Amino acid sequence: MDWLDEPDLHKLTSLALLELDILFTEHNIHHRWRKLKKRKQSKEESGVFGVPLESLIERDRNLLPDSLLETSVPLVFYKLVWQLERHGLQQEGILRVPGHRSQTEQLRQTLNTNFYSWPSHVDAALRNATPNDVAALVKTFLRELPRPLLTHTYMPAFYKTHRIEDMGERVLALTMLILLLPSPHRDTLHALLELCARVVTHEAENKMSLYNVAMIMAPNLFLPNHQRSKLNLRSEDKEQQLHHEMTYANVTTQLTQAMIKYRDVLWTVPHRLVAQIRRQYQAEALKQHNYTPMRRLLLSRKSKETIQRPIENEVDYQEGVLRVSAPQFNKTNYPVKLNSRMTAGDLLTRFIEELTLLPENPRRVEGRRELQYKRVAIGNGSPPSTTLSQNTSTPHYLSCLLTGSLKNTVQQHALHEIGGNIGDRRLDPNAKLLAIYQDNPNAEFVVKCHHKGGQISRRNS
């Protein structure tokens, strides 16, 4: 999901299927998990429309090694969404009003032909396109995917979640299904839902409510022709077929509406599943410490707390001191005193806020003692130090501080929990750091960039 790396997510596959089976059984939902055979590639894939997401991402990484995308979202889809968010959110009827047919087709052809060979031409074409034309291509891109965004394998299960009346349990079922999606589909779905949410936030200008946006986007997620193939209607009764199609449209609109509304919850792995991952890592750590079979047997009879891996820095743990590293700021293992209220977002905000006061930073206003941004209270916790080395005025350092307002800068960085009893977990800004530290005292806590020119890993989320 958005907060765990791929190896950790892979560990959750069987647990997610088990959760779904339990939920479906409790609500008398019958479902068979079928894996479709991979279709053979009939011809060499070209262009960017009608191409599998996996192929596009592989092409992005082969041809654009310096791509800014750290998640598995095709660059073409990212550019379409970015252009729409920049210029189309306040356009009345955005997503609903169709683009100009000939201009949309011309833009599509430009992207298909020149996306990788002539990127500057593509960027110019996108800048000159109307928001409605770009929105039309977003929907076209989704409809023409050889493998739907929700996949043929899981789309029927997504649809059946509407039979779970309790919204909390329905959202849980959707979360488990999203866990099962291939990472390119999961990440692209997340980008789409974020776009839809941003459109809704400008409802006063664009007249697009949550329901309106969901109604427009649902056919691009739950393909109508996919449902028709499942109806098995032997009769030519058009009225019956119309009833099925109207029901399908209504249900898929409700599900799309829920996915947009609860998108943050859907991309947060439940705590009990994260705990399962931690236990797996702890078990692996025990094996690596040359425990004899008899010793492992004795340890297994003790409580879970006593079989955890020994704490490497007992003093820090007892004092509630977390050590944070930020290589892009030349910071390593800086101690931060935690309290029960401090969140990952609090720490990041104060960290970046303090950095903007350095004399080396060109954004600092001479002679001004206070920042132009309001400080966010951290409680009684100690803020990160502002004492950095003289080498902080590097291109990476400056790019981190020149990404816009304080809010944008904080949003484009994240605190990661790495190692210990987890692989790599990107922490939610609202995550309580003390609780996480107590769960994983041997982890490293690292600030990572999520912006242009930053020092990022290819797969952080």
Foldseek 3Di string as FASTA:
>chain_A
DVFAFDVLLVVCLVVLVVLLVVLCVVLVHDDDQDDDDDDDDPDDDAFQALEALVVQQVCCCVLPVQDLALFSERPVLVLLLVLCLVAPLLAACQLNDAFDVVLLVVLSVCRRPPVRPPVVVNNVSSNPGDSRSSSNVNLRRQQSHPAHLLGLRCLVVLLVLLSVPPLVSSLSNLLSSLSNGDRNSSVNVLSVLVSLLSSQVNCVRHVQHLLNSLLSCLCSRNPLVSVVVVPPDPDPPVVVVVVVSVVSSVSSSVSSSSCSVCVVVSPDDDPVSLVVLLVVLQVVVVVVVVDDPVRVVVLVPDDPVVSGDDQPDVVCLVQQWAFEAEVLQQRGGFTKRADQQAFQLLQLLLVLLLQCCDPLAPVNDPPDDHDPDDRDDRPPMDHTDNDGDPPNPDQQNRVLNPPDDSVVSSVQKFKWWDDQSGHITTGDRRHGPSVVCVSGVRTYIYIFGSDPPHDHHSTRD
